[in-house]
Amino acid sequence: ALLHGHYKKTYNGEILEEGHFYFGVKHGRWEIFDKDTNLVGKYYYNKGLYEDTQIKYHDKNNTKVSEVIQVHNG
């Protein structure tokens, strides 16, 4: 089954990871916590790709992908 909607991964009642899935891929803001509940990472996704991902196309209509460059933290 595809994950879709809010997701929370916990261990001993503490949140380790939290975010949303969009038909099986990460979407929106995701937060990662260590075992002491300290926020150690915050990432933004757009339907499975990092928010700043660059997509290059072969055609003018932007339907034929030629290259996907995932940009993460600059």
PDB file of N, CA and C in Angstrom:
ATOM      1  N   ALA A   1       0.833  -1.189   0.000  1.00  0.00           N
ATOM      2  CA  ALA A   1       0.000   0.000   0.000  1.00  0.00           C
ATOM      3  C   ALA A   1       0.875   1.250   0.000  1.00  0.00           C
ATOM      4  N   LEU A   2       0.499   2.220  -0.792  1.00  0.00           N
ATOM      5  CA  LEU A   2       1.216   3.494  -0.837  1.00  0.00           C
ATOM      6  C   LEU A   2       0.907   4.316   0.402  1.00  0.00           C
ATOM      7  N   LEU A   3       1.953   4.916   0.953  1.00  0.00           N
ATOM      8  CA  LEU A   3       1.734   5.852   2.058  1.00  0.00           C
ATOM      9  C   LEU A   3       1.206   7.157   1.479  1.00  0.00           C
ATOM     10  N   HIS A   4       0.191   7.721   2.131  1.00  0.00           N
ATOM     11  CA  HIS A   4      -0.380   8.986   1.674  1.00  0.00           C
ATOM     12  C   HIS A   4      -0.933   9.710   2.893  1.00  0.00           C
ATOM     13  N   GLY A   5      -0.479  10.933   3.103  1.00  0.00           N
ATOM     14  CA  GLY A   5      -0.942  11.718   4.237  1.00  0.00           C
ATOM     15  C   GLY A   5       0.131  11.863   5.302  1.00  0.00           C
ATOM     16  N   HIS A   6      -0.293  12.262   6.495  1.00  0.00           N
ATOM     17  CA  HIS A   6       0.624  12.529   7.597  1.00  0.00           C
ATOM     18  C   HIS A   6       1.357  11.250   8.015  1.00  0.00           C
ATOM     19  N   TYR A   7       2.646  11.383   8.343  1.00  0.00           N
ATOM     20  CA  TYR A   7       3.477  10.254   8.749  1.00  0.00           C
ATOM     21  C   TYR A   7       4.281  10.654   9.974  1.00  0.00           C
ATOM     22  N   LYS A   8       4.365   9.746  10.928  1.00  0.00           N
ATOM     23  CA  LYS A   8       5.157  10.005  12.130  1.00  0.00           C
ATOM     24  C   LYS A   8       5.850   8.710  12.525  1.00  0.00           C
ATOM     25  N   LYS A   9       7.187   8.750  12.627  1.00  0.00           N
ATOM     26  CA  LYS A   9       7.966   7.595  13.070  1.00  0.00           C
ATOM     27  C   LYS A   9       8.375   7.858  14.516  1.00  0.00           C
ATOM     28  N   THR A  10       8.050   6.927  15.416  1.00  0.00           N
ATOM     29  CA  THR A  10       8.357   7.118  16.834  1.00  0.00           C
ATOM     30  C   THR A  10       9.171   5.946  17.372  1.00  0.00           C
ATOM     31  N   TYR A  11       9.844   6.180  18.488  1.00  0.00           N
ATOM     32  CA  TYR A  11      10.582   5.152  19.202  1.00  0.00           C
ATOM     33  C   TYR A  11      10.425   5.442  20.688  1.00  0.00           C
ATOM     34  N   ASN A  12       9.905   4.490  21.428  1.00  0.00           N
ATOM     35  CA  ASN A  12       9.635   4.677  22.862  1.00  0.00           C
ATOM     36  C   ASN A  12       8.806   5.935  23.129  1.00  0.00           C
ATOM     37  N   GLY A  13       7.852   6.211  22.253  1.00  0.00           N
ATOM     38  CA  GLY A  13       6.968   7.353  22.441  1.00  0.00           C
ATOM     39  C   GLY A  13       7.517   8.684  21.980  1.00  0.00           C
ATOM     40  N   GLU A  14       8.768   8.733  21.543  1.00  0.00           N
ATOM     41  CA  GLU A  14       9.386   9.983  21.081  1.00  0.00           C
ATOM     42  C   GLU A  14       9.384  10.017  19.550  1.00  0.00           C
ATOM     43  N   ILE A  15       9.108  11.177  18.983  1.00  0.00           N
ATOM     44  CA  ILE A  15       9.085  11.337  17.524  1.00  0.00           C
ATOM     45  C   ILE A  15      10.513  11.370  16.992  1.00  0.00           C
ATOM     46  N   LEU A  16      10.791  10.525  15.992  1.00  0.00           N
ATOM     47  CA  LEU A  16      12.095  10.532  15.325  1.00  0.00           C
ATOM     48  C   LEU A  16      12.027  11.214  13.960  1.00  0.00           C
ATOM     49  N   GLU A  17      10.876  11.101  13.309  1.00  0.00           N
ATOM     50  CA  GLU A  17      10.712  11.667  11.972  1.00  0.00           C
ATOM     51  C   GLU A  17       9.238  11.976  11.759  1.00  0.00           C
ATOM     52  N   GLU A  18       8.971  13.125  11.117  1.00  0.00           N
ATOM     53  CA  GLU A  18       7.580  13.498  10.892  1.00  0.00           C
ATOM     54  C   GLU A  18       7.456  14.285   9.598  1.00  0.00           C
ATOM     55  N   GLY A  19       6.408  14.003   8.839  1.00  0.00           N
ATOM     56  CA  GLY A  19       6.168  14.706   7.591  1.00  0.00           C
ATOM     57  C   GLY A  19       4.918  14.184   6.917  1.00  0.00           C
ATOM     58  N   HIS A  20       4.817  14.425   5.612  1.00  0.00           N
ATOM     59  CA  HIS A  20       3.668  13.990   4.824  1.00  0.00           C
ATOM     60  C   HIS A  20       4.138  13.217   3.603  1.00  0.00           C
ATOM     61  N   PHE A  21       3.344  12.236   3.235  1.00  0.00           N
ATOM     62  CA  PHE A  21       3.558  11.511   1.992  1.00  0.00           C
ATOM     63  C   PHE A  21       2.492  11.922   0.985  1.00  0.00           C
ATOM     64  N   TYR A  22       2.886  11.984  -0.270  1.00  0.00           N
ATOM     65  CA  TYR A  22       1.976  12.247  -1.377  1.00  0.00           C
ATOM     66  C   TYR A  22       2.049  11.046  -2.307  1.00  0.00           C
ATOM     67  N   PHE A  23       1.107  10.156  -2.207  1.00  0.00           N
ATOM     68  CA  PHE A  23       1.073   8.934  -3.003  1.00  0.00           C
ATOM     69  C   PHE A  23       2.423   8.224  -3.025  1.00  0.00           C
ATOM     70  N   GLY A  24       2.995   8.002  -1.846  1.00  0.00           N
ATOM     71  CA  GLY A  24       4.209   7.202  -1.710  1.00  0.00           C
ATOM     72  C   GLY A  24       5.519   7.955  -1.709  1.00  0.00           C
ATOM     73  N   VAL A  25       5.504   9.269  -1.950  1.00  0.00           N
ATOM     74  CA  VAL A  25       6.750  10.044  -1.942  1.00  0.00           C
ATOM     75  C   VAL A  25       6.635  11.181  -0.925  1.00  0.00           C
ATOM     76  N   LYS A  26       7.784  11.592  -0.377  1.00  0.00           N
ATOM     77  CA  LYS A  26       7.791  12.674   0.603  1.00  0.00           C
ATOM     78  C   LYS A  26       7.365  13.980  -0.057  1.00  0.00           C
ATOM     79  N   HIS A  27       6.545  14.756   0.698  1.00  0.00           N
ATOM     80  CA  HIS A  27       6.042  16.012   0.155  1.00  0.00           C
ATOM     81  C   HIS A  27       5.883  17.020   1.288  1.00  0.00           C
ATOM     82  N   GLY A  28       6.314  18.238   1.053  1.00  0.00           N
ATOM     83  CA  GLY A  28       6.216  19.277   2.075  1.00  0.00           C
ATOM     84  C   GLY A  28       7.374  19.208   3.058  1.00  0.00           C
ATOM     85  N   ARG A  29       7.160  19.738   4.257  1.00  0.00           N
ATOM     86  CA  ARG A  29       8.221  19.816   5.268  1.00  0.00           C
ATOM     87  C   ARG A  29       8.362  18.484   6.012  1.00  0.00           C
ATOM     88  N   TRP A  30       9.601  18.030   6.150  1.00  0.00           N
ATOM     89  CA  TRP A  30       9.934  16.841   6.938  1.00  0.00           C
ATOM     90  C   TRP A  30      10.926  17.241   8.002  1.00  0.00           C
ATOM     91  N   GLU A  31      10.708  16.744   9.222  1.00  0.00           N
ATOM     92  CA  GLU A  31      11.605  17.040  10.340  1.00  0.00           C
ATOM     93  C   GLU A  31      12.165  15.737  10.900  1.00  0.00           C
ATOM     94  N   ILE A  32      13.459  15.767  11.213  1.00  0.00           N
ATOM     95  CA  ILE A  32      14.157  14.609  11.763  1.00  0.00           C
ATOM     96  C   ILE A  32      14.654  15.001  13.163  1.00  0.00           C
ATOM     97  N   PHE A  33      14.440  14.109  14.150  1.00  0.00           N
ATOM     98  CA  PHE A  33      14.834  14.365  15.528  1.00  0.00           C
ATOM     99  C   PHE A  33      15.788  13.272  16.008  1.00  0.00           C
ATOM    100  N   ASP A  34      16.679  13.625  16.949  1.00  0.00           N
ATOM    101  CA  ASP A  34      17.533  12.609  17.556  1.00  0.00           C
ATOM    102  C   ASP A  34      16.782  11.974  18.732  1.00  0.00           C
ATOM    103  N   LYS A  35      17.424  11.010  19.401  1.00  0.00           N
ATOM    104  CA  LYS A  35      16.759  10.273  20.486  1.00  0.00           C
ATOM    105  C   LYS A  35      16.422  11.155  21.691  1.00  0.00           C
ATOM    106  N   ASP A  36      17.012  12.352  21.759  1.00  0.00           N
ATOM    107  CA  ASP A  36      16.719  13.294  22.842  1.00  0.00           C
ATOM    108  C   ASP A  36      15.709  14.363  22.412  1.00  0.00           C
ATOM    109  N   THR A  37      15.016  14.115  21.329  1.00  0.00           N
ATOM    110  CA  THR A  37      13.986  14.989  20.740  1.00  0.00           C
ATOM    111  C   THR A  37      14.519  16.333  20.238  1.00  0.00           C
ATOM    112  N   ASN A  38      15.823  16.414  19.976  1.00  0.00           N
ATOM    113  CA  ASN A  38      16.392  17.625  19.381  1.00  0.00           C
ATOM    114  C   ASN A  38      16.195  17.573  17.868  1.00  0.00           C
ATOM    115  N   LEU A  39      15.748  18.675  17.286  1.00  0.00           N
ATOM    116  CA  LEU A  39      15.594  18.760  15.839  1.00  0.00           C
ATOM    117  C   LEU A  39      16.976  18.750  15.197  1.00  0.00           C
ATOM    118  N   VAL A  40      17.252  17.772  14.349  1.00  0.00           N
ATOM    119  CA  VAL A  40      18.567  17.673  13.711  1.00  0.00           C
ATOM    120  C   VAL A  40      18.501  17.916  12.207  1.00  0.00           C
ATOM    121  N   GLY A  41      17.300  17.967  11.645  1.00  0.00           N
ATOM    122  CA  GLY A  41      17.183  18.225  10.217  1.00  0.00           C
ATOM    123  C   GLY A  41      15.774  18.617   9.836  1.00  0.00           C
ATOM    124  N   LYS A  42      15.682  19.549   8.897  1.00  0.00           N
ATOM    125  CA  LYS A  42      14.393  19.970   8.357  1.00  0.00           C
ATOM    126  C   LYS A  42      14.572  20.055   6.848  1.00  0.00           C
ATOM    127  N   TYR A  43      13.750  19.305   6.124  1.00  0.00           N
ATOM    128  CA  TYR A  43      13.877  19.227   4.673  1.00  0.00           C
ATOM    129  C   TYR A  43      12.540  19.530   4.028  1.00  0.00           C
ATOM    130  N   TYR A  44      12.587  20.086   2.834  1.00  0.00           N
ATOM    131  CA  TYR A  44      11.378  20.414   2.082  1.00  0.00           C
ATOM    132  C   TYR A  44      11.385  19.637   0.771  1.00  0.00           C
ATOM    133  N   TYR A  45      10.278  18.962   0.503  1.00  0.00           N
ATOM    134  CA  TYR A  45      10.146  18.143  -0.696  1.00  0.00           C
ATOM    135  C   TYR A  45       8.964  18.618  -1.531  1.00  0.00           C
ATOM    136  N   ASN A  46       9.071  18.406  -2.827  1.00  0.00           N
ATOM    137  CA  ASN A  46       7.969  18.653  -3.745  1.00  0.00           C
ATOM    138  C   ASN A  46       7.728  17.363  -4.512  1.00  0.00           C
ATOM    139  N   LYS A  47       6.765  16.598  -4.050  1.00  0.00           N
ATOM    140  CA  LYS A  47       6.409  15.310  -4.652  1.00  0.00           C
ATOM    141  C   LYS A  47       7.627  14.422  -4.852  1.00  0.00           C
ATOM    142  N   GLY A  48       8.393  14.232  -3.777  1.00  0.00           N
ATOM    143  CA  GLY A  48       9.508  13.298  -3.779  1.00  0.00           C
ATOM    144  C   GLY A  48      10.871  13.883  -4.084  1.00  0.00           C
ATOM    145  N   LEU A  49      10.928  15.095  -4.602  1.00  0.00           N
ATOM    146  CA  LEU A  49      12.200  15.735  -4.935  1.00  0.00           C
ATOM    147  C   LEU A  49      12.447  16.875  -3.952  1.00  0.00           C
ATOM    148  N   TYR A  50      13.729  17.118  -3.649  1.00  0.00           N
ATOM    149  CA  TYR A  50      14.042  18.266  -2.810  1.00  0.00           C
ATOM    150  C   TYR A  50      13.454  19.518  -3.440  1.00  0.00           C
ATOM    151  N   GLU A  51      13.011  20.453  -2.611  1.00  0.00           N
ATOM    152  CA  GLU A  51      12.308  21.644  -3.070  1.00  0.00           C
ATOM    153  C   GLU A  51      13.071  22.428  -4.146  1.00  0.00           C
ATOM    154  N   ASP A  52      14.392  22.502  -4.055  1.00  0.00           N
ATOM    155  CA  ASP A  52      15.183  23.286  -5.009  1.00  0.00           C
ATOM    156  C   ASP A  52      15.697  22.478  -6.193  1.00  0.00           C
ATOM    157  N   THR A  53      15.139  21.297  -6.427  1.00  0.00           N
ATOM    158  CA  THR A  53      15.572  20.446  -7.533  1.00  0.00           C
ATOM    159  C   THR A  53      15.393  21.167  -8.861  1.00  0.00           C
ATOM    160  N   GLN A  54      16.399  21.022  -9.726  1.00  0.00           N
ATOM    161  CA  GLN A  54      16.334  21.617 -11.060  1.00  0.00           C
ATOM    162  C   GLN A  54      16.020  20.512 -12.065  1.00  0.00           C
ATOM    163  N   ILE A  55      15.031  20.761 -12.918  1.00  0.00           N
ATOM    164  CA  ILE A  55      14.646  19.790 -13.940  1.00  0.00           C
ATOM    165  C   ILE A  55      14.825  20.440 -15.302  1.00  0.00           C
ATOM    166  N   LYS A  56      15.583  19.749 -16.177  1.00  0.00           N
ATOM    167  CA  LYS A  56      15.795  20.243 -17.537  1.00  0.00           C
ATOM    168  C   LYS A  56      15.027  19.335 -18.498  1.00  0.00           C
ATOM    169  N   TYR A  57      14.466  19.957 -19.544  1.00  0.00           N
ATOM    170  CA  TYR A  57      13.617  19.239 -20.488  1.00  0.00           C
ATOM    171  C   TYR A  57      14.214  19.253 -21.886  1.00  0.00           C
ATOM    172  N   HIS A  58      13.812  18.255 -22.707  1.00  0.00           N
ATOM    173  CA  HIS A  58      14.238  18.163 -24.107  1.00  0.00           C
ATOM    174  C   HIS A  58      13.387  19.033 -25.028  1.00  0.00           C
ATOM    175  N   ASP A  59      12.159  19.332 -24.613  1.00  0.00           N
ATOM    176  CA  ASP A  59      11.216  19.986 -25.513  1.00  0.00           C
ATOM    177  C   ASP A  59      10.646  21.276 -24.911  1.00  0.00           C
ATOM    178  N   LYS A  60      10.025  22.069 -25.752  1.00  0.00           N
ATOM    179  CA  LYS A  60       9.450  23.354 -25.331  1.00  0.00           C
ATOM    180  C   LYS A  60       8.245  23.190 -24.407  1.00  0.00           C
ATOM    181  N   ASN A  61       7.539  22.089 -24.519  1.00  0.00           N
ATOM    182  CA  ASN A  61       6.330  21.871 -23.714  1.00  0.00           C
ATOM    183  C   ASN A  61       6.637  21.319 -22.330  1.00  0.00           C
ATOM    184  N   ASN A  62       7.917  21.132 -22.030  1.00  0.00           N
ATOM    185  CA  ASN A  62       8.351  20.604 -20.730  1.00  0.00           C
ATOM    186  C   ASN A  62       7.679  19.275 -20.374  1.00  0.00           C
ATOM    187  N   THR A  63       7.709  18.349 -21.339  1.00  0.00           N
ATOM    188  CA  THR A  63       7.135  17.028 -21.093  1.00  0.00           C
ATOM    189  C   THR A  63       8.179  15.917 -21.127  1.00  0.00           C
ATOM    190  N   LYS A  64       9.312  16.169 -21.779  1.00  0.00           N
ATOM    191  CA  LYS A  64      10.358  15.145 -21.901  1.00  0.00           C
ATOM    192  C   LYS A  64      11.571  15.549 -21.069  1.00  0.00           C
ATOM    193  N   VAL A  65      11.736  14.904 -19.910  1.00  0.00           N
ATOM    194  CA  VAL A  65      12.812  15.245 -18.982  1.00  0.00           C
ATOM    195  C   VAL A  65      14.151  14.763 -19.539  1.00  0.00           C
ATOM    196  N   SER A  66      15.147  15.661 -19.528  1.00  0.00           N
ATOM    197  CA  SER A  66      16.489  15.271 -19.962  1.00  0.00           C
ATOM    198  C   SER A  66      17.440  15.134 -18.780  1.00  0.00           C
ATOM    199  N   GLU A  67      17.178  15.887 -17.692  1.00  0.00           N
ATOM    200  CA  GLU A  67      18.093  15.848 -16.554  1.00  0.00           C
ATOM    201  C   GLU A  67      17.372  16.324 -15.285  1.00  0.00           C
ATOM    202  N   VAL A  68      17.654  15.646 -14.166  1.00  0.00           N
ATOM    203  CA  VAL A  68      17.130  16.044 -12.865  1.00  0.00           C
ATOM    204  C   VAL A  68      18.315  16.241 -11.937  1.00  0.00           C
ATOM    205  N   ILE A  69      18.482  17.453 -11.413  1.00  0.00           N
ATOM    206  CA  ILE A  69      19.582  17.776 -10.514  1.00  0.00           C
ATOM    207  C   ILE A  69      18.978  18.099  -9.152  1.00  0.00           C
ATOM    208  N   GLN A  70      19.178  17.183  -8.183  1.00  0.00           N
ATOM    209  CA  GLN A  70      18.632  17.400  -6.853  1.00  0.00           C
ATOM    210  C   GLN A  70      19.561  18.325  -6.069  1.00  0.00           C
ATOM    211  N   VAL A  71      19.052  19.482  -5.699  1.00  0.00           N
ATOM    212  CA  VAL A  71      19.813  20.461  -4.926  1.00  0.00           C
ATOM    213  C   VAL A  71      19.326  20.359  -3.488  1.00  0.00           C
ATOM    214  N   HIS A  72      20.270  20.080  -2.597  1.00  0.00           N
ATOM    215  CA  HIS A  72      19.941  19.882  -1.182  1.00  0.00           C
ATOM    216  C   HIS A  72      20.845  20.760  -0.345  1.00  0.00           C
ATOM    217  N   ASN A  73      20.264  21.662   0.430  1.00  0.00           N
ATOM    218  CA  ASN A  73      21.035  22.616   1.244  1.00  0.00           C
ATOM    219  C   ASN A  73      21.990  23.435   0.412  1.00  0.00           C
ATOM    220  N   GLY A  74      21.523  23.946  -0.728  1.00  0.00           N
ATOM    221  CA  GLY A  74      22.321  24.804  -1.579  1.00  0.00           C
ATOM    222  C   GLY A  74      23.238  24.040  -2.470  1.00  0.00           C
TER     223      GLY A  74
END
